[in-house]
Amino acid sequence: MLAAGTVEPMIEVNDLTKRYGRTTAVDGLCFTVRPGRVTGFLGPNGAGKTTTLRMLLGLVTPTSGSATVDGHRFRDHPRGLRPAGALLDAGDVHGGRTGRAHLRALALGNGLPRERVARVLDEVGLTAAADRRIGGYSLGMRQRLGIAAALLGDPPVLILDEPLNGLDPEGVLWVRELLRRLAGEGRTVFVSSHLMSEMEHTADDLVVVGRGRLIAAESLASFAARGTARSVAVRTPEPERLAALLRAEGAAVTADGPQALDVTGAEALLVGRLAAAHGVVLEELTTRRSSLEQAFLELTADSTDYAAGAAR
């Protein structure tokens, strides 16, 4: 828990741009990541997410603009793991070291007490494997070790790039609960992920980019609501009869179970009135809004460099 009276830590990105020759990887990004909330960082492959995170952490120099943590460039903080903890590449560790030795080296280099090592190993569930060489760790174990390193300085800001890679379902649930708890403690949590379903369960806010440009910076609910895809879920003892009536009105109808239909091209009000007019009993009538994934695919369609062809 952050101490009372502590200035709220924020991530601020202002007109951030990075060019590599004629290629613009990040193009004038502006957004703020606030404390007490989990902010998801989304975008198609090649959208500039990793480049943005690396500029934020001082690993890449911007062509122009700025990216700051708590009002300062990350590289200007004397002890990097205290103001912000980060996970960029869980595989970027010395395979010959043990997990404990790796964390102890980080603690020493950042002026952190050694007892933090045991604490974060327990936090991520690696105590039993702490004295094994990292080269023998699974991908999921390396992810846990990377998260332990990010937590080592007990930082107010967490920046995590694809923290769910390689984790089993129990591990995914653990990360979800960890992120929610950290945000609940007043920390700033910024998470890049390609798992839309998980972001739908975890994130409060979203920053969405495409081809290096900002598409959206808003609450998850607001972003999902921008998707136009919607349908009506219907359950009835007479699905074939109702489907024929709806198709006669120009709606598209597909079976969604033994007595369930999914209807597009007709609002719930029309479905209800049509059923009532013909004496069709309805057991369910629900409007389905766009999911986060549907909204993301729709709103980033023009920003995808490597779109797959339609299934044949």
Protein backbone atom coordinates (compact mmCIF):
# COMPACT_ATOMS: atom_id res chain seq x y z
CA MET A 1 0.00 0.00 0.00
CA LEU A 2 1.32 3.43 -0.92
CA ALA A 3 2.05 5.67 2.03
CA ALA A 4 -0.47 8.39 2.95
CA GLY A 5 0.40 11.73 1.44
CA THR A 6 2.43 10.19 -1.39
CA VAL A 7 2.12 12.07 -4.69
CA GLU A 8 0.07 9.97 -7.09
CA PRO A 9 2.43 8.39 -9.64
CA MET A 10 1.39 8.72 -13.26
CA ILE A 11 2.73 7.71 -16.64
CA GLU A 12 2.53 10.60 -19.09
CA VAL A 13 3.28 10.36 -22.80
CA ASN A 14 3.32 13.59 -24.79
CA ASP A 15 3.75 13.79 -28.57
CA LEU A 16 6.02 10.74 -28.42
CA THR A 17 7.61 9.90 -31.78
CA LYS A 18 10.23 7.41 -32.90
CA ARG A 19 11.57 7.11 -36.44
CA TYR A 20 13.99 4.56 -37.82
CA GLY A 21 15.14 6.07 -41.10
CA ARG A 22 12.03 6.45 -43.23
CA THR A 23 9.94 4.22 -40.96
CA THR A 24 7.88 5.86 -38.22
CA ALA A 25 7.35 3.29 -35.46
CA VAL A 26 5.59 5.66 -33.04
CA ASP A 27 3.84 8.76 -34.31
CA GLY A 28 2.91 11.57 -31.90
CA LEU A 29 1.40 9.47 -29.10
CA CYS A 30 -0.27 11.34 -26.23
CA PHE A 31 -1.91 9.61 -23.25
CA THR A 32 -1.89 9.41 -19.45
CA VAL A 33 -1.96 6.27 -17.29
CA ARG A 34 -3.42 7.00 -13.87
CA PRO A 35 -2.96 5.33 -10.49
CA GLY A 36 -5.49 3.06 -8.88
CA ARG A 37 -6.50 1.52 -12.21
CA VAL A 38 -5.31 -1.24 -14.52
CA THR A 39 -4.70 0.22 -17.98
CA GLY A 40 -4.44 -2.18 -20.89
CA PHE A 41 -2.14 -1.31 -23.81
CA LEU A 42 -3.54 -2.82 -27.01
CA GLY A 43 -2.72 -2.78 -30.69
CA PRO A 44 -2.18 -5.08 -33.69
CA ASN A 45 1.23 -6.62 -34.31
CA GLY A 46 3.67 -3.91 -35.38
CA ALA A 47 1.56 -1.14 -33.83
CA GLY A 48 4.49 0.30 -31.85
CA LYS A 49 3.57 -0.98 -28.37
CA THR A 50 6.96 -2.45 -27.46
CA THR A 51 8.83 0.55 -28.89
CA THR A 52 6.64 2.83 -26.76
CA LEU A 53 7.34 0.81 -23.62
CA ARG A 54 11.07 0.80 -24.33
CA MET A 55 11.07 4.59 -24.74
CA LEU A 56 9.11 4.90 -21.50
CA LEU A 57 11.81 2.85 -19.73
CA GLY A 58 14.71 4.77 -21.26
CA LEU A 59 15.91 1.84 -23.39
CA VAL A 60 15.18 3.67 -26.65
CA THR A 61 15.67 7.41 -27.22
CA PRO A 62 12.63 9.17 -28.73
CA THR A 63 13.04 11.12 -31.93
CA SER A 64 10.84 13.76 -30.30
CA GLY A 65 8.31 14.11 -27.50
CA SER A 66 8.53 12.73 -23.98
CA ALA A 67 7.54 9.77 -21.81
CA THR A 68 7.75 10.21 -18.05
CA VAL A 69 7.10 8.30 -14.84
CA ASP A 70 5.95 10.52 -11.97
CA GLY A 71 7.03 13.59 -13.93
CA HIS A 72 10.59 12.41 -14.65
CA ARG A 73 12.29 10.44 -17.40
CA PHE A 74 12.85 6.90 -16.17
CA ARG A 75 16.59 7.10 -16.85
CA ASP A 76 16.83 10.10 -14.50
CA HIS A 77 15.69 8.04 -11.51
CA PRO A 78 18.82 6.92 -9.58
CA ARG A 79 17.36 3.54 -8.57
CA GLY A 80 15.28 2.17 -11.42
CA LEU A 81 13.39 -0.56 -9.57
CA ARG A 82 12.10 1.78 -6.86
CA PRO A 83 9.99 4.20 -8.97
CA ALA A 84 8.82 1.57 -11.47
CA GLY A 85 8.98 -2.16 -11.98
CA ALA A 86 8.97 -3.55 -15.50
CA LEU A 87 8.72 -6.83 -17.39
CA LEU A 88 9.63 -6.60 -21.08
CA ASP A 89 11.14 -9.98 -21.99
CA ALA A 90 10.99 -12.84 -19.51
CA GLY A 91 13.60 -14.75 -21.52
CA ASP A 92 16.22 -12.00 -21.22
CA VAL A 93 17.94 -13.48 -18.16
CA HIS A 94 21.16 -15.41 -17.49
CA GLY A 95 20.18 -19.07 -17.74
CA GLY A 96 23.14 -20.19 -15.63
CA ARG A 97 22.01 -18.26 -12.55
CA THR A 98 19.43 -19.46 -10.07
CA GLY A 99 16.24 -17.50 -9.67
CA ARG A 100 17.34 -16.38 -6.22
CA ALA A 101 20.77 -15.25 -7.43
CA HIS A 102 19.18 -13.28 -10.27
CA LEU A 103 16.92 -11.38 -7.90
CA ARG A 104 19.69 -10.83 -5.37
CA ALA A 105 21.86 -9.24 -8.07
CA LEU A 106 19.01 -6.90 -8.99
CA ALA A 107 18.41 -6.03 -5.35
CA LEU A 108 22.10 -5.26 -4.80
CA GLY A 109 22.29 -3.06 -7.90
CA ASN A 110 19.24 -1.07 -6.81
CA GLY A 111 20.10 -0.68 -3.15
CA LEU A 112 17.22 -2.89 -2.01
CA PRO A 113 17.18 -5.01 1.17
CA ARG A 114 17.87 -8.73 0.60
CA GLU A 115 14.69 -9.73 2.42
CA ARG A 116 12.72 -8.38 -0.54
CA VAL A 117 14.04 -11.33 -2.59
CA ALA A 118 12.40 -13.95 -0.38
CA ARG A 119 9.22 -11.90 -0.23
CA VAL A 120 8.74 -11.59 -4.00
CA LEU A 121 9.71 -15.23 -4.60
CA ASP A 122 6.89 -16.21 -2.26
CA GLU A 123 4.57 -13.67 -3.91
CA VAL A 124 4.99 -15.27 -7.34
CA GLY A 125 5.07 -18.88 -6.13
CA LEU A 126 8.70 -19.63 -6.97
CA THR A 127 10.13 -20.28 -3.51
CA ALA A 128 10.47 -24.03 -4.14
CA ALA A 129 12.28 -23.40 -7.46
CA ALA A 130 14.38 -20.43 -6.29
CA ASP A 131 17.67 -22.37 -6.19
CA ARG A 132 17.25 -24.04 -9.56
CA ARG A 133 19.04 -22.64 -12.61
CA ILE A 134 16.85 -20.38 -14.75
CA GLY A 135 17.87 -22.31 -17.85
CA GLY A 136 15.69 -25.16 -16.58
CA TYR A 137 12.65 -22.97 -15.97
CA SER A 138 9.55 -23.29 -18.14
CA LEU A 139 8.27 -20.18 -19.96
CA GLY A 140 5.60 -19.77 -17.31
CA MET A 141 8.20 -19.92 -14.53
CA ARG A 142 10.31 -17.31 -16.31
CA GLN A 143 7.24 -15.09 -16.54
CA ARG A 144 6.76 -15.43 -12.79
CA LEU A 145 10.43 -14.61 -12.22
CA GLY A 146 10.10 -11.52 -14.43
CA ILE A 147 7.09 -10.37 -12.43
CA ALA A 148 9.06 -10.98 -9.21
CA ALA A 149 11.81 -8.71 -10.53
CA ALA A 150 9.23 -6.04 -11.37
CA LEU A 151 7.87 -6.21 -7.81
CA LEU A 152 11.29 -6.25 -6.15
CA GLY A 153 11.48 -2.52 -5.42
CA ASP A 154 7.86 -2.37 -4.19
CA PRO A 155 7.30 0.30 -6.88
CA PRO A 156 4.29 2.60 -7.29
CA VAL A 157 4.31 1.99 -11.07
CA LEU A 158 4.23 -1.39 -12.87
CA ILE A 159 4.88 -1.70 -16.62
CA LEU A 160 4.33 -5.22 -17.94
CA ASP A 161 4.65 -6.39 -21.54
CA GLU A 162 2.63 -9.57 -22.23
CA PRO A 163 2.86 -10.91 -18.65
CA LEU A 164 0.50 -13.81 -19.41
CA ASN A 165 2.67 -15.52 -22.03
CA GLY A 166 3.30 -19.15 -21.13
CA LEU A 167 1.09 -19.18 -18.05
CA ASP A 168 -1.41 -21.96 -17.39
CA PRO A 169 -5.02 -21.10 -16.44
CA GLU A 170 -4.13 -20.96 -12.74
CA GLY A 171 -1.27 -18.60 -13.53
CA VAL A 172 -3.50 -16.38 -15.66
CA LEU A 173 -6.01 -16.10 -12.82
CA TRP A 174 -3.17 -15.32 -10.40
CA VAL A 175 -1.87 -12.48 -12.59
CA ARG A 176 -5.38 -11.08 -12.97
CA GLU A 177 -5.86 -11.00 -9.20
CA LEU A 178 -2.36 -9.58 -8.66
CA LEU A 179 -2.95 -6.70 -11.08
CA ARG A 180 -6.30 -5.88 -9.51
CA ARG A 181 -4.74 -5.92 -6.02
CA LEU A 182 -1.83 -3.69 -7.05
CA ALA A 183 -4.20 -1.17 -8.60
CA GLY A 184 -6.36 -1.36 -5.49
CA GLU A 185 -3.32 -0.28 -3.47
CA GLY A 186 -3.16 2.92 -5.50
CA ARG A 187 -0.41 1.85 -7.89
CA THR A 188 -0.28 2.67 -11.59
CA VAL A 189 -0.53 -0.59 -13.58
CA PHE A 190 0.16 -0.50 -17.35
CA VAL A 191 -0.17 -3.85 -19.12
CA SER A 192 0.41 -4.70 -22.77
CA SER A 193 -1.47 -7.80 -23.87
CA HIS A 194 -2.92 -9.46 -26.95
CA LEU A 195 -5.43 -11.48 -24.88
CA MET A 196 -8.63 -9.50 -25.32
CA SER A 197 -10.71 -11.78 -23.10
CA GLU A 198 -8.27 -11.31 -20.25
CA MET A 199 -8.15 -7.55 -20.66
CA GLU A 200 -11.95 -7.56 -20.60
CA HIS A 201 -11.77 -9.17 -17.14
CA THR A 202 -8.84 -7.11 -15.84
CA ALA A 203 -8.51 -3.62 -17.30
CA ASP A 204 -10.33 -0.47 -16.22
CA ASP A 205 -8.93 1.72 -19.01
CA LEU A 206 -7.41 1.13 -22.43
CA VAL A 207 -4.78 2.78 -24.57
CA VAL A 208 -5.16 1.46 -28.13
CA VAL A 209 -2.65 2.15 -30.89
CA GLY A 210 -2.35 1.23 -34.56
CA ARG A 211 0.59 1.86 -36.90
CA GLY A 212 2.19 3.96 -34.18
CA ARG A 213 -0.77 6.31 -33.78
CA LEU A 214 -3.29 6.64 -30.97
CA ILE A 215 -6.70 5.12 -31.72
CA ALA A 216 -8.25 5.47 -28.26
CA ALA A 217 -7.44 6.33 -24.65
CA GLU A 218 -10.55 5.79 -22.58
CA SER A 219 -12.35 3.42 -20.23
CA LEU A 220 -12.76 -0.17 -21.36
CA ALA A 221 -16.56 0.18 -21.25
CA SER A 222 -16.48 3.28 -23.47
CA PHE A 223 -14.18 1.60 -26.00
CA ALA A 224 -16.27 -1.59 -26.19
CA ALA A 225 -19.42 0.50 -26.65
CA ARG A 226 -17.92 2.07 -29.79
CA GLY A 227 -18.18 -1.25 -31.59
CA THR A 228 -21.24 -1.45 -33.81
CA ALA A 229 -21.62 -5.22 -33.78
CA ARG A 230 -24.62 -6.33 -31.75
CA SER A 231 -27.17 -9.12 -31.83
CA VAL A 232 -30.26 -10.36 -30.00
CA ALA A 233 -30.25 -13.61 -28.04
CA VAL A 234 -33.62 -15.39 -28.10
CA ARG A 235 -34.81 -18.56 -26.40
CA THR A 236 -38.15 -20.07 -27.38
CA PRO A 237 -39.88 -23.50 -27.52
CA GLU A 238 -40.57 -22.77 -31.22
CA PRO A 239 -37.18 -21.72 -32.65
CA GLU A 240 -37.85 -22.87 -36.23
CA ARG A 241 -41.14 -20.98 -36.45
CA LEU A 242 -39.72 -17.77 -34.98
CA ALA A 243 -36.63 -18.01 -37.21
CA ALA A 244 -38.85 -18.18 -40.31
CA LEU A 245 -40.83 -15.14 -39.17
CA LEU A 246 -37.66 -13.16 -38.51
CA ARG A 247 -36.07 -14.09 -41.83
CA ALA A 248 -39.23 -12.92 -43.58
CA GLU A 249 -38.55 -9.51 -41.98
CA GLY A 250 -34.99 -9.48 -43.35
CA ALA A 251 -33.16 -10.52 -40.18
CA ALA A 252 -30.26 -12.98 -40.14
CA VAL A 253 -30.88 -15.87 -37.75
CA THR A 254 -28.55 -18.67 -36.61
CA ALA A 255 -29.11 -21.46 -34.09
CA ASP A 256 -27.35 -20.89 -30.79
CA GLY A 257 -28.48 -24.05 -28.98
CA PRO A 258 -31.45 -26.46 -28.94
CA GLN A 259 -34.02 -23.68 -28.36
CA ALA A 260 -31.82 -20.63 -28.77
CA LEU A 261 -31.35 -18.20 -31.65
CA ASP A 262 -28.86 -15.44 -32.39
CA VAL A 263 -30.49 -12.64 -34.38
CA THR A 264 -28.80 -9.80 -36.26
CA GLY A 265 -30.48 -7.13 -38.34
CA ALA A 266 -33.42 -6.76 -35.96
CA GLU A 267 -33.70 -4.98 -32.61
CA ALA A 268 -35.03 -6.76 -29.52
CA LEU A 269 -38.20 -4.65 -29.64
CA LEU A 270 -39.03 -5.90 -33.15
CA VAL A 271 -38.32 -9.53 -32.18
CA GLY A 272 -40.62 -9.23 -29.16
CA ARG A 273 -43.45 -7.60 -31.11
CA LEU A 274 -43.19 -10.17 -33.91
CA ALA A 275 -43.31 -13.05 -31.45
CA ALA A 276 -46.29 -11.55 -29.62
CA ALA A 277 -48.20 -10.94 -32.85
CA HIS A 278 -47.86 -14.62 -33.82
CA GLY A 279 -48.28 -16.15 -30.37
CA VAL A 280 -44.70 -17.37 -30.05
CA VAL A 281 -43.64 -17.79 -26.43
CA LEU A 282 -40.27 -16.19 -25.53
CA GLU A 283 -38.21 -17.46 -22.60
CA GLU A 284 -35.31 -15.06 -23.19
CA LEU A 285 -34.84 -11.83 -25.15
CA THR A 286 -31.49 -10.13 -24.62
CA THR A 287 -29.50 -7.57 -26.60
CA ARG A 288 -25.83 -8.54 -26.86
CA ARG A 289 -23.40 -5.64 -27.12
CA SER A 290 -20.00 -5.74 -28.80
CA SER A 291 -17.33 -7.58 -26.86
CA LEU A 292 -13.95 -5.93 -26.38
CA GLU A 293 -12.51 -8.23 -29.03
CA GLN A 294 -15.21 -7.31 -31.55
CA ALA A 295 -14.74 -3.60 -30.89
CA PHE A 296 -10.95 -3.94 -31.14
CA LEU A 297 -11.07 -5.79 -34.45
CA GLU A 298 -13.54 -3.31 -35.88
CA LEU A 299 -11.76 -0.15 -34.73
CA THR A 300 -8.24 -1.33 -35.66
CA ALA A 301 -9.17 -2.86 -39.02
CA ASP A 302 -7.48 -0.04 -40.93
CA SER A 303 -4.36 -0.24 -38.76
CA THR A 304 -3.43 -3.90 -39.23
CA ASP A 305 -0.37 -4.58 -41.36
CA TYR A 306 -0.59 -8.37 -41.33
CA ALA A 307 -4.27 -9.25 -41.66
CA ALA A 308 -4.97 -12.92 -42.43
CA GLY A 309 -7.15 -13.82 -45.38
CA ALA A 310 -10.68 -15.05 -44.86
CA ALA A 311 -11.00 -18.75 -43.99
CA ARG A 312 -11.92 -20.87 -46.98
